[in-house]
PDB file of N, CA and C in Angstrom:
ATOM      1  N   MET A   1      30.220  -1.846   2.393  1.00  0.00           N
ATOM      2  CA  MET A   1      29.908  -0.520   2.156  1.00  0.00           C
ATOM      3  C   MET A   1      28.958   0.309   1.063  1.00  0.00           C
ATOM      4  N   ARG A   2      27.814   0.612   0.725  1.00  0.00           N
ATOM      5  CA  ARG A   2      27.053   0.768   0.210  1.00  0.00           C
ATOM      6  C   ARG A   2      26.879   2.885   0.130  1.00  0.00           C
ATOM      7  N   LYS A   3      26.696   3.246  -0.332  1.00  0.00           N
ATOM      8  CA  LYS A   3      25.664   4.202  -0.634  1.00  0.00           C
ATOM      9  C   LYS A   3      25.428   4.509  -2.055  1.00  0.00           C
ATOM     10  N   THR A   4      24.254   5.905  -2.457  1.00  0.00           N
ATOM     11  CA  THR A   4      24.169   5.577  -3.755  1.00  0.00           C
ATOM     12  C   THR A   4      23.662   7.237  -3.832  1.00  0.00           C
ATOM     13  N   ILE A   5      24.273   8.345  -4.406  1.00  0.00           N
ATOM     14  CA  ILE A   5      24.884   8.974  -4.822  1.00  0.00           C
ATOM     15  C   ILE A   5      23.938   9.781  -6.061  1.00  0.00           C
ATOM     16  N   ASN A   6      23.490  10.916  -5.865  1.00  0.00           N
ATOM     17  CA  ASN A   6      22.944  11.838  -7.450  1.00  0.00           C
ATOM     18  C   ASN A   6      24.808  12.260  -7.910  1.00  0.00           C
ATOM     19  N   ILE A   7      24.335  11.924  -9.582  1.00  0.00           N
ATOM     20  CA  ILE A   7      25.352  12.747 -10.902  1.00  0.00           C
ATOM     21  C   ILE A   7      24.080  13.187 -11.246  1.00  0.00           C
ATOM     22  N   ALA A   8      24.167  14.148 -12.358  1.00  0.00           N
ATOM     23  CA  ALA A   8      23.727  14.646 -12.706  1.00  0.00           C
ATOM     24  C   ALA A   8      22.129  14.312 -13.237  1.00  0.00           C
ATOM     25  N   GLY A   9      21.423  14.360 -11.547  1.00  0.00           N
ATOM     26  CA  GLY A   9      20.318  13.709 -11.384  1.00  0.00           C
ATOM     27  C   GLY A   9      20.257  12.001 -11.550  1.00  0.00           C
ATOM     28  N   ARG A  10      21.231  11.682 -11.936  1.00  0.00           N
ATOM     29  CA  ARG A  10      21.232  10.049 -11.824  1.00  0.00           C
ATOM     30  C   ARG A  10      21.748   9.481 -10.747  1.00  0.00           C
ATOM     31  N   GLU A  11      20.515   8.338 -10.601  1.00  0.00           N
ATOM     32  CA  GLU A  11      20.835   7.532  -8.662  1.00  0.00           C
ATOM     33  C   GLU A  11      21.922   6.903  -9.692  1.00  0.00           C
ATOM     34  N   VAL A  12      23.405   6.713  -8.126  1.00  0.00           N
ATOM     35  CA  VAL A  12      24.211   5.618  -8.879  1.00  0.00           C
ATOM     36  C   VAL A  12      25.197   4.986  -7.236  1.00  0.00           C
ATOM     37  N   GLU A  13      24.806   4.300  -7.296  1.00  0.00           N
ATOM     38  CA  GLU A  13      24.894   3.204  -6.472  1.00  0.00           C
ATOM     39  C   GLU A  13      26.472   2.774  -6.424  1.00  0.00           C
ATOM     40  N   LEU A  14      27.457   3.115  -5.503  1.00  0.00           N
ATOM     41  CA  LEU A  14      28.882   3.266  -5.041  1.00  0.00           C
ATOM     42  C   LEU A  14      28.473   2.206  -4.473  1.00  0.00           C
ATOM     43  N   LYS A  15      29.440   1.263  -4.235  1.00  0.00           N
ATOM     44  CA  LYS A  15      30.292   0.020  -3.213  1.00  0.00           C
ATOM     45  C   LYS A  15      31.420   0.065  -2.993  1.00  0.00           C
ATOM     46  N   ALA A  16      32.257   0.190  -1.573  1.00  0.00           N
ATOM     47  CA  ALA A  16      33.550   0.499  -1.531  1.00  0.00           C
ATOM     48  C   ALA A  16      33.841  -0.983  -0.108  1.00  0.00           C
ATOM     49  N   THR A  17      34.490  -2.142  -1.137  1.00  0.00           N
ATOM     50  CA  THR A  17      34.766  -3.112   0.072  1.00  0.00           C
ATOM     51  C   THR A  17      36.298  -2.480  -0.242  1.00  0.00           C
ATOM     52  N   ALA A  18      37.108  -4.151   0.693  1.00  0.00           N
ATOM     53  CA  ALA A  18      38.632  -4.420   0.966  1.00  0.00           C
ATOM     54  C   ALA A  18      39.326  -4.418  -0.367  1.00  0.00           C
ATOM     55  N   SER A  19      38.469  -4.681  -1.611  1.00  0.00           N
ATOM     56  CA  SER A  19      38.946  -5.077  -2.925  1.00  0.00           C
ATOM     57  C   SER A  19      38.970  -3.574  -3.732  1.00  0.00           C
ATOM     58  N   THR A  20      38.447  -2.517  -3.506  1.00  0.00           N
ATOM     59  CA  THR A  20      38.652  -0.798  -3.780  1.00  0.00           C
ATOM     60  C   THR A  20      40.049  -0.152  -4.086  1.00  0.00           C
ATOM     61  N   ILE A  21      40.966  -0.310  -3.455  1.00  0.00           N
ATOM     62  CA  ILE A  21      42.207  -0.453  -3.573  1.00  0.00           C
ATOM     63  C   ILE A  21      43.157  -0.756  -4.721  1.00  0.00           C
ATOM     64  N   ARG A  22      42.793  -1.968  -4.203  1.00  0.00           N
ATOM     65  CA  ARG A  22      43.383  -2.887  -5.609  1.00  0.00           C
ATOM     66  C   ARG A  22      42.892  -2.480  -7.092  1.00  0.00           C
ATOM     67  N   LYS A  23      42.185  -2.536  -7.002  1.00  0.00           N
ATOM     68  CA  LYS A  23      40.956  -2.643  -8.468  1.00  0.00           C
ATOM     69  C   LYS A  23      41.854  -0.549  -8.698  1.00  0.00           C
ATOM     70  N   TYR A  24      42.090  -0.340  -7.919  1.00  0.00           N
ATOM     71  CA  TYR A  24      41.920   0.437  -8.758  1.00  0.00           C
ATOM     72  C   TYR A  24      43.045   0.953  -8.850  1.00  0.00           C
ATOM     73  N   ARG A  25      44.152   0.916  -7.892  1.00  0.00           N
ATOM     74  CA  ARG A  25      45.631   0.801  -8.692  1.00  0.00           C
ATOM     75  C   ARG A  25      45.796  -0.189 -10.337  1.00  0.00           C
ATOM     76  N   ASN A  26      45.028  -0.913  -9.933  1.00  0.00           N
ATOM     77  CA  ASN A  26      44.973  -2.809 -11.460  1.00  0.00           C
ATOM     78  C   ASN A  26      44.145  -1.719 -12.218  1.00  0.00           C
ATOM     79  N   TRP A  27      43.382  -1.430 -12.630  1.00  0.00           N
ATOM     80  CA  TRP A  27      42.894  -0.631 -13.307  1.00  0.00           C
ATOM     81  C   TRP A  27      43.503   1.069 -13.788  1.00  0.00           C
ATOM     82  N   PHE A  28      43.245   1.185 -13.002  1.00  0.00           N
ATOM     83  CA  PHE A  28      44.241   2.968 -13.714  1.00  0.00           C
ATOM     84  C   PHE A  28      46.120   2.744 -13.218  1.00  0.00           C
ATOM     85  N   GLY A  29      46.012   2.181 -13.204  1.00  0.00           N
ATOM     86  CA  GLY A  29      47.781   1.989 -12.434  1.00  0.00           C
ATOM     87  C   GLY A  29      48.662   2.944 -11.469  1.00  0.00           C
ATOM     88  N   ARG A  30      47.824   3.497 -10.511  1.00  0.00           N
ATOM     89  CA  ARG A  30      47.985   4.167  -9.656  1.00  0.00           C
ATOM     90  C   ARG A  30      47.963   3.901  -8.055  1.00  0.00           C
ATOM     91  N   ASP A  31      48.403   4.762  -7.128  1.00  0.00           N
ATOM     92  CA  ASP A  31      47.907   3.598  -5.575  1.00  0.00           C
ATOM     93  C   ASP A  31      47.567   5.571  -4.868  1.00  0.00           C
ATOM     94  N   LEU A  32      46.021   4.106  -4.500  1.00  0.00           N
ATOM     95  CA  LEU A  32      45.148   5.423  -4.033  1.00  0.00           C
ATOM     96  C   LEU A  32      45.446   6.036  -3.301  1.00  0.00           C
ATOM     97  N   MET A  33      46.356   4.997  -2.095  1.00  0.00           N
ATOM     98  CA  MET A  33      46.611   5.799  -1.070  1.00  0.00           C
ATOM     99  C   MET A  33      47.251   7.588  -1.224  1.00  0.00           C
ATOM    100  N   VAL A  34      47.794   7.429  -1.987  1.00  0.00           N
ATOM    101  CA  VAL A  34      49.140   8.363  -2.604  1.00  0.00           C
ATOM    102  C   VAL A  34      47.873   8.953  -3.548  1.00  0.00           C
ATOM    103  N   ASP A  35      47.277   9.044  -4.502  1.00  0.00           N
ATOM    104  CA  ASP A  35      46.764   9.627  -4.525  1.00  0.00           C
ATOM    105  C   ASP A  35      45.561  10.981  -4.078  1.00  0.00           C
ATOM    106  N   PHE A  36      45.748   9.757  -2.530  1.00  0.00           N
ATOM    107  CA  PHE A  36      44.302  10.112  -1.853  1.00  0.00           C
ATOM    108  C   PHE A  36      44.863  11.426  -0.817  1.00  0.00           C
ATOM    109  N   LYS A  37      45.695  11.407  -0.672  1.00  0.00           N
ATOM    110  CA  LYS A  37      46.617  11.989  -0.365  1.00  0.00           C
ATOM    111  C   LYS A  37      46.406  13.306  -0.773  1.00  0.00           C
ATOM    112  N   LYS A  38      46.643  13.003  -1.974  1.00  0.00           N
ATOM    113  CA  LYS A  38      46.502  14.643  -3.068  1.00  0.00           C
ATOM    114  C   LYS A  38      45.378  15.095  -2.846  1.00  0.00           C
ATOM    115  N   ILE A  39      43.982  14.210  -2.426  1.00  0.00           N
ATOM    116  CA  ILE A  39      42.430  15.008  -2.283  1.00  0.00           C
ATOM    117  C   ILE A  39      42.768  15.664  -0.798  1.00  0.00           C
ATOM    118  N   THR A  40      43.275  14.757  -0.370  1.00  0.00           N
ATOM    119  CA  THR A  40      43.714  15.480   1.592  1.00  0.00           C
ATOM    120  C   THR A  40      43.696  17.414   1.304  1.00  0.00           C
ATOM    121  N   LYS A  41      44.950  16.879   0.590  1.00  0.00           N
ATOM    122  CA  LYS A  41      46.045  17.957   0.154  1.00  0.00           C
ATOM    123  C   LYS A  41      44.976  19.452  -0.016  1.00  0.00           C
ATOM    124  N   THR A  42      44.033  19.174  -1.343  1.00  0.00           N
ATOM    125  CA  THR A  42      43.866  20.015  -1.795  1.00  0.00           C
ATOM    126  C   THR A  42      43.353  20.226  -0.899  1.00  0.00           C
ATOM    127  N   ALA A  43      41.771  19.448   0.498  1.00  0.00           N
ATOM    128  CA  ALA A  43      40.701  19.736   0.888  1.00  0.00           C
ATOM    129  C   ALA A  43      41.376  20.509   2.074  1.00  0.00           C
ATOM    130  N   THR A  44      42.558  19.992   2.851  1.00  0.00           N
ATOM    131  CA  THR A  44      42.323  20.563   3.927  1.00  0.00           C
ATOM    132  C   THR A  44      43.853  22.149   4.181  1.00  0.00           C
ATOM    133  N   ASN A  45      44.396  22.097   2.980  1.00  0.00           N
ATOM    134  CA  ASN A  45      44.890  23.902   2.280  1.00  0.00           C
ATOM    135  C   ASN A  45      43.594  24.805   2.947  1.00  0.00           C
ATOM    136  N   GLY A  46      42.916  24.673   0.998  1.00  0.00           N
ATOM    137  CA  GLY A  46      42.516  24.980  -0.166  1.00  0.00           C
ATOM    138  C   GLY A  46      43.474  25.712  -0.739  1.00  0.00           C
ATOM    139  N   VAL A  47      43.687  24.375  -1.199  1.00  0.00           N
ATOM    140  CA  VAL A  47      44.613  24.220  -2.958  1.00  0.00           C
ATOM    141  C   VAL A  47      43.616  24.955  -3.686  1.00  0.00           C
ATOM    142  N   GLU A  48      43.278  24.732  -4.989  1.00  0.00           N
ATOM    143  CA  GLU A  48      42.971  24.974  -5.627  1.00  0.00           C
ATOM    144  C   GLU A  48      42.532  23.309  -5.971  1.00  0.00           C
ATOM    145  N   VAL A  49      41.493  23.183  -6.773  1.00  0.00           N
ATOM    146  CA  VAL A  49      41.212  21.715  -7.050  1.00  0.00           C
ATOM    147  C   VAL A  49      42.051  21.438  -8.960  1.00  0.00           C
ATOM    148  N   THR A  50      43.012  21.000  -8.759  1.00  0.00           N
ATOM    149  CA  THR A  50      43.289  20.570 -10.441  1.00  0.00           C
ATOM    150  C   THR A  50      41.895  19.627 -10.789  1.00  0.00           C
ATOM    151  N   THR A  51      43.133  19.422 -11.928  1.00  0.00           N
ATOM    152  CA  THR A  51      42.816  18.287 -13.034  1.00  0.00           C
ATOM    153  C   THR A  51      42.973  16.951 -12.503  1.00  0.00           C
ATOM    154  N   ASP A  52      44.318  17.479 -11.649  1.00  0.00           N
ATOM    155  CA  ASP A  52      44.075  15.226 -11.513  1.00  0.00           C
ATOM    156  C   ASP A  52      44.032  15.297 -10.047  1.00  0.00           C
ATOM    157  N   VAL A  53      43.006  16.324  -9.641  1.00  0.00           N
ATOM    158  CA  VAL A  53      42.931  15.581  -7.938  1.00  0.00           C
ATOM    159  C   VAL A  53      41.050  15.760  -9.325  1.00  0.00           C
ATOM    160  N   ILE A  54      40.872  16.136  -9.903  1.00  0.00           N
ATOM    161  CA  ILE A  54      39.369  15.531 -10.901  1.00  0.00           C
ATOM    162  C   ILE A  54      38.869  14.314 -10.879  1.00  0.00           C
ATOM    163  N   GLU A  55      39.899  13.878 -11.832  1.00  0.00           N
ATOM    164  CA  GLU A  55      41.009  13.068 -12.300  1.00  0.00           C
ATOM    165  C   GLU A  55      40.859  12.265 -11.629  1.00  0.00           C
ATOM    166  N   ILE A  56      41.345  12.029 -10.289  1.00  0.00           N
ATOM    167  CA  ILE A  56      41.223  10.866  -9.030  1.00  0.00           C
ATOM    168  C   ILE A  56      40.090  10.437  -8.202  1.00  0.00           C
ATOM    169  N   ILE A  57      39.049  11.327  -8.585  1.00  0.00           N
ATOM    170  CA  ILE A  57      37.874  11.598  -7.657  1.00  0.00           C
ATOM    171  C   ILE A  57      36.735  10.539  -8.998  1.00  0.00           C
ATOM    172  N   GLU A  58      36.726  11.061 -10.268  1.00  0.00           N
ATOM    173  CA  GLU A  58      36.410  10.205 -10.849  1.00  0.00           C
ATOM    174  C   GLU A  58      36.529   8.960 -11.597  1.00  0.00           C
ATOM    175  N   ASP A  59      37.733   8.547 -11.303  1.00  0.00           N
ATOM    176  CA  ASP A  59      38.041   7.315 -11.052  1.00  0.00           C
ATOM    177  C   ASP A  59      38.038   6.124  -9.757  1.00  0.00           C
ATOM    178  N   LEU A  60      38.008   7.272  -8.358  1.00  0.00           N
ATOM    179  CA  LEU A  60      37.474   5.926  -7.881  1.00  0.00           C
ATOM    180  C   LEU A  60      35.610   6.760  -7.711  1.00  0.00           C
ATOM    181  N   THR A  61      35.498   6.820  -7.656  1.00  0.00           N
ATOM    182  CA  THR A  61      34.108   7.074  -8.116  1.00  0.00           C
ATOM    183  C   THR A  61      33.601   5.852  -9.290  1.00  0.00           C
ATOM    184  N   TYR A  62      33.850   5.398 -10.469  1.00  0.00           N
ATOM    185  CA  TYR A  62      34.008   4.914 -11.229  1.00  0.00           C
ATOM    186  C   TYR A  62      34.525   3.743 -11.112  1.00  0.00           C
ATOM    187  N   VAL A  63      35.567   3.262 -10.492  1.00  0.00           N
ATOM    188  CA  VAL A  63      36.003   1.916  -8.771  1.00  0.00           C
ATOM    189  C   VAL A  63      35.043   1.628  -8.374  1.00  0.00           C
ATOM    190  N   MET A  64      34.451   2.228  -7.396  1.00  0.00           N
ATOM    191  CA  MET A  64      32.766   1.896  -6.923  1.00  0.00           C
ATOM    192  C   MET A  64      32.280   2.064  -7.502  1.00  0.00           C
ATOM    193  N   ALA A  65      31.944   2.530  -8.166  1.00  0.00           N
ATOM    194  CA  ALA A  65      29.998   2.187  -9.314  1.00  0.00           C
ATOM    195  C   ALA A  65      30.260   1.519  -9.596  1.00  0.00           C
ATOM    196  N   ARG A  66      31.701   0.712  -9.890  1.00  0.00           N
ATOM    197  CA  ARG A  66      31.864  -0.829 -11.058  1.00  0.00           C
ATOM    198  C   ARG A  66      31.356  -1.946 -10.611  1.00  0.00           C
ATOM    199  N   GLN A  67      32.266  -1.201  -8.631  1.00  0.00           N
ATOM    200  CA  GLN A  67      31.735  -2.750  -7.582  1.00  0.00           C
ATOM    201  C   GLN A  67      30.433  -3.096  -7.105  1.00  0.00           C
ATOM    202  N   ALA A  68      29.818  -2.167  -6.981  1.00  0.00           N
ATOM    203  CA  ALA A  68      27.893  -2.105  -7.399  1.00  0.00           C
ATOM    204  C   ALA A  68      27.260  -2.888  -8.073  1.00  0.00           C
ATOM    205  N   ASP A  69      27.855  -2.068  -9.416  1.00  0.00           N
ATOM    206  CA  ASP A  69      27.221  -2.315 -10.548  1.00  0.00           C
ATOM    207  C   ASP A  69      28.022  -3.039 -11.797  1.00  0.00           C
ATOM    208  N   PRO A  70      28.111  -3.937 -11.738  1.00  0.00           N
ATOM    209  CA  PRO A  70      29.215  -5.018 -12.829  1.00  0.00           C
ATOM    210  C   PRO A  70      29.218  -4.734 -14.274  1.00  0.00           C
ATOM    211  N   SER A  71      27.451  -4.074 -14.326  1.00  0.00           N
ATOM    212  CA  SER A  71      26.534  -3.920 -16.065  1.00  0.00           C
ATOM    213  C   SER A  71      27.945  -2.405 -16.194  1.00  0.00           C
ATOM    214  N   ILE A  72      27.752  -2.163 -15.697  1.00  0.00           N
ATOM    215  CA  ILE A  72      29.004  -0.632 -15.812  1.00  0.00           C
ATOM    216  C   ILE A  72      29.953  -0.944 -17.423  1.00  0.00           C
ATOM    217  N   PRO A  73      30.437   0.511 -17.908  1.00  0.00           N
ATOM    218  CA  PRO A  73      30.876  -0.689 -18.848  1.00  0.00           C
ATOM    219  C   PRO A  73      32.536  -0.810 -18.376  1.00  0.00           C
ATOM    220  N   GLY A  74      33.097  -1.179 -19.391  1.00  0.00           N
ATOM    221  CA  GLY A  74      34.817  -1.326 -18.620  1.00  0.00           C
ATOM    222  C   GLY A  74      35.846  -0.820 -19.275  1.00  0.00           C
ATOM    223  N   ASN A  75      34.882   0.611 -19.667  1.00  0.00           N
ATOM    224  CA  ASN A  75      36.097   1.587 -19.368  1.00  0.00           C
ATOM    225  C   ASN A  75      35.496   2.765 -18.689  1.00  0.00           C
ATOM    226  N   VAL A  76      36.500   3.977 -17.974  1.00  0.00           N
ATOM    227  CA  VAL A  76      35.944   4.651 -17.614  1.00  0.00           C
ATOM    228  C   VAL A  76      35.809   5.433 -18.426  1.00  0.00           C
ATOM    229  N   ASP A  77      36.011   6.361 -19.013  1.00  0.00           N
ATOM    230  CA  ASP A  77      35.722   6.831 -20.398  1.00  0.00           C
ATOM    231  C   ASP A  77      34.281   6.766 -20.491  1.00  0.00           C
ATOM    232  N   GLU A  78      33.846   5.608 -21.586  1.00  0.00           N
ATOM    233  CA  GLU A  78      33.039   5.059 -21.162  1.00  0.00           C
ATOM    234  C   GLU A  78      31.601   5.748 -20.600  1.00  0.00           C
ATOM    235  N   TRP A  79      31.830   4.848 -19.886  1.00  0.00           N
ATOM    236  CA  TRP A  79      31.003   5.260 -18.339  1.00  0.00           C
ATOM    237  C   TRP A  79      30.705   7.253 -18.067  1.00  0.00           C
ATOM    238  N   LEU A  80      31.828   7.422 -18.097  1.00  0.00           N
ATOM    239  CA  LEU A  80      31.869   9.467 -17.918  1.00  0.00           C
ATOM    240  C   LEU A  80      31.447   9.549 -18.787  1.00  0.00           C
ATOM    241  N   ASP A  81      31.797   9.362 -20.499  1.00  0.00           N
ATOM    242  CA  ASP A  81      30.372   9.858 -20.930  1.00  0.00           C
ATOM    243  C   ASP A  81      29.297   9.532 -21.750  1.00  0.00           C
ATOM    244  N   SER A  82      28.871   8.524 -20.982  1.00  0.00           N
ATOM    245  CA  SER A  82      27.259   8.570 -20.155  1.00  0.00           C
ATOM    246  C   SER A  82      26.831   9.475 -19.353  1.00  0.00           C
ATOM    247  N   PHE A  83      27.063   9.937 -18.523  1.00  0.00           N
ATOM    248  CA  PHE A  83      26.644  11.207 -18.012  1.00  0.00           C
ATOM    249  C   PHE A  83      26.330  12.733 -19.021  1.00  0.00           C
ATOM    250  N   ASP A  84      25.594  13.449 -18.872  1.00  0.00           N
ATOM    251  CA  ASP A  84      25.263  15.239 -20.099  1.00  0.00           C
ATOM    252  C   ASP A  84      26.279  15.926 -18.861  1.00  0.00           C
ATOM    253  N   ALA A  85      26.477  15.594 -17.771  1.00  0.00           N
ATOM    254  CA  ALA A  85      27.410  16.390 -16.708  1.00  0.00           C
ATOM    255  C   ALA A  85      28.153  15.484 -15.369  1.00  0.00           C
ATOM    256  N   PHE A  86      29.105  15.791 -15.070  1.00  0.00           N
ATOM    257  CA  PHE A  86      28.680  14.686 -13.909  1.00  0.00           C
ATOM    258  C   PHE A  86      30.600  16.035 -12.867  1.00  0.00           C
ATOM    259  N   PRO A  87      28.833  16.342 -12.719  1.00  0.00           N
ATOM    260  CA  PRO A  87      29.587  17.719 -11.367  1.00  0.00           C
ATOM    261  C   PRO A  87      30.158  17.415  -9.961  1.00  0.00           C
ATOM    262  N   VAL A  88      31.775  16.583 -10.814  1.00  0.00           N
ATOM    263  CA  VAL A  88      32.389  16.251  -9.123  1.00  0.00           C
ATOM    264  C   VAL A  88      32.423  16.967  -7.735  1.00  0.00           C
ATOM    265  N   GLN A  89      32.230  18.124  -8.061  1.00  0.00           N
ATOM    266  CA  GLN A  89      32.490  18.787  -6.936  1.00  0.00           C
ATOM    267  C   GLN A  89      30.732  18.402  -6.191  1.00  0.00           C
ATOM    268  N   ASP A  90      29.755  17.861  -6.503  1.00  0.00           N
ATOM    269  CA  ASP A  90      28.199  18.057  -6.297  1.00  0.00           C
ATOM    270  C   ASP A  90      28.792  16.829  -5.184  1.00  0.00           C
ATOM    271  N   PHE A  91      29.564  16.079  -5.290  1.00  0.00           N
ATOM    272  CA  PHE A  91      29.640  14.534  -5.086  1.00  0.00           C
ATOM    273  C   PHE A  91      30.500  14.218  -3.638  1.00  0.00           C
ATOM    274  N   ALA A  92      31.890  14.427  -4.486  1.00  0.00           N
ATOM    275  CA  ALA A  92      33.345  14.507  -4.242  1.00  0.00           C
ATOM    276  C   ALA A  92      33.186  13.842  -2.156  1.00  0.00           C
ATOM    277  N   ILE A  93      32.763  15.049  -1.666  1.00  0.00           N
ATOM    278  CA  ILE A  93      33.024  14.514  -0.065  1.00  0.00           C
ATOM    279  C   ILE A  93      32.139  13.318  -0.167  1.00  0.00           C
ATOM    280  N   ASP A  94      31.628  13.005  -0.410  1.00  0.00           N
ATOM    281  CA  ASP A  94      30.319  11.616  -0.568  1.00  0.00           C
ATOM    282  C   ASP A  94      31.339  10.647  -0.629  1.00  0.00           C
ATOM    283  N   VAL A  95      31.808  10.302  -1.918  1.00  0.00           N
ATOM    284  CA  VAL A  95      33.124   9.676  -2.295  1.00  0.00           C
ATOM    285  C   VAL A  95      33.800   8.964  -1.323  1.00  0.00           C
ATOM    286  N   VAL A  96      35.107  10.429  -1.424  1.00  0.00           N
ATOM    287  CA  VAL A  96      35.830  10.186  -0.417  1.00  0.00           C
ATOM    288  C   VAL A  96      35.600   9.249   0.764  1.00  0.00           C
ATOM    289  N   ALA A  97      34.534   9.552   1.215  1.00  0.00           N
ATOM    290  CA  ALA A  97      34.209  10.236   3.084  1.00  0.00           C
ATOM    291  C   ALA A  97      33.865   8.043   2.889  1.00  0.00           C
ATOM    292  N   LEU A  98      33.018   7.518   1.787  1.00  0.00           N
ATOM    293  CA  LEU A  98      32.993   6.052   1.691  1.00  0.00           C
ATOM    294  C   LEU A  98      34.360   4.966   1.650  1.00  0.00           C
ATOM    295  N   TRP A  99      34.749   5.850   0.445  1.00  0.00           N
ATOM    296  CA  TRP A  99      36.124   4.696   1.128  1.00  0.00           C
ATOM    297  C   TRP A  99      37.033   5.204   2.163  1.00  0.00           C
ATOM    298  N   ALA A 100      36.766   6.047   2.439  1.00  0.00           N
ATOM    299  CA  ALA A 100      37.707   6.310   4.011  1.00  0.00           C
ATOM    300  C   ALA A 100      36.804   5.555   5.296  1.00  0.00           C
ATOM    301  N   GLU A 101      35.902   6.075   5.296  1.00  0.00           N
ATOM    302  CA  GLU A 101      34.656   4.726   5.694  1.00  0.00           C
ATOM    303  C   GLU A 101      35.489   2.954   6.341  1.00  0.00           C
ATOM    304  N   SER A 102      35.248   3.447   4.633  1.00  0.00           N
ATOM    305  CA  SER A 102      35.421   1.087   4.892  1.00  0.00           C
ATOM    306  C   SER A 102      36.819   0.929   4.586  1.00  0.00           C
ATOM    307  N   LEU A 103      37.435   1.237   4.655  1.00  0.00           N
ATOM    308  CA  LEU A 103      39.598   1.370   5.993  1.00  0.00           C
ATOM    309  C   LEU A 103      39.302   1.452   7.506  1.00  0.00           C
ATOM    310  N   SER A 104      38.577   1.881   7.909  1.00  0.00           N
ATOM    311  CA  SER A 104      37.931   2.007   9.396  1.00  0.00           C
ATOM    312  C   SER A 104      38.398   1.148   9.436  1.00  0.00           C
ATOM    313  N   VAL A 105      38.263  -0.256  10.790  1.00  0.00           N
ATOM    314  CA  VAL A 105      37.910  -1.008  11.075  1.00  0.00           C
ATOM    315  C   VAL A 105      36.885  -0.631  12.696  1.00  0.00           C
ATOM    316  N   LYS A 106      35.965  -1.406  12.700  1.00  0.00           N
ATOM    317  CA  LYS A 106      35.628  -1.626  14.069  1.00  0.00           C
ATOM    318  C   LYS A 106      34.973  -3.078  14.197  1.00  0.00           C
ATOM    319  N   ILE A 107      36.102  -2.505  16.273  1.00  0.00           N
ATOM    320  CA  ILE A 107      35.666  -3.707  16.610  1.00  0.00           C
ATOM    321  C   ILE A 107      34.681  -3.973  17.844  1.00  0.00           C
ATOM    322  N   GLU A 108      33.256  -4.338  17.685  1.00  0.00           N
ATOM    323  CA  GLU A 108      33.067  -4.564  19.253  1.00  0.00           C
ATOM    324  C   GLU A 108      33.536  -5.459  20.585  1.00  0.00           C
ATOM    325  N   PRO A 109      33.529  -4.301  21.632  1.00  0.00           N
ATOM    326  CA  PRO A 109      34.180  -5.037  22.845  1.00  0.00           C
ATOM    327  C   PRO A 109      33.141  -6.993  22.590  1.00  0.00           C
ATOM    328  N   LYS A 110      33.651  -7.263  23.438  1.00  0.00           N
ATOM    329  CA  LYS A 110      33.095  -8.868  23.521  1.00  0.00           C
ATOM    330  C   LYS A 110      32.517  -9.052  24.785  1.00  0.00           C
ATOM    331  N   ASN A 111      32.753  -7.987  25.476  1.00  0.00           N
ATOM    332  CA  ASN A 111      31.575  -7.934  26.673  1.00  0.00           C
ATOM    333  C   ASN A 111      30.924  -7.101  27.352  1.00  0.00           C
ATOM    334  N   ALA A 112      30.406  -6.354  25.758  1.00  0.00           N
ATOM    335  CA  ALA A 112      30.060  -5.118  26.028  1.00  0.00           C
ATOM    336  C   ALA A 112      28.590  -5.653  26.995  1.00  0.00           C
TER     337      ALA A 112
END
């Protein structure tokens, strides 16, 4: 699944696939499913957004951007430094929704 989002005036293509969760774990040493629960808890309980949640969204955005464009630097800090600003609140919902949508199974009935 692909989606283009705007980050601080720059169009960034994202790609979410079956390997997103593995790449996230390999690159950041964390479990995306556990981290996703932190994001969900923050969003549903009105809990104040923490630096942990911001970092999770930054890292997930990076993984999906790099999947869409392998020419992106191999280091998340280098990539983040290429932006003048990184207003997570402006695109977090799109990033999380794209990844969550990539997990859903779509089966079409054979006799439809």
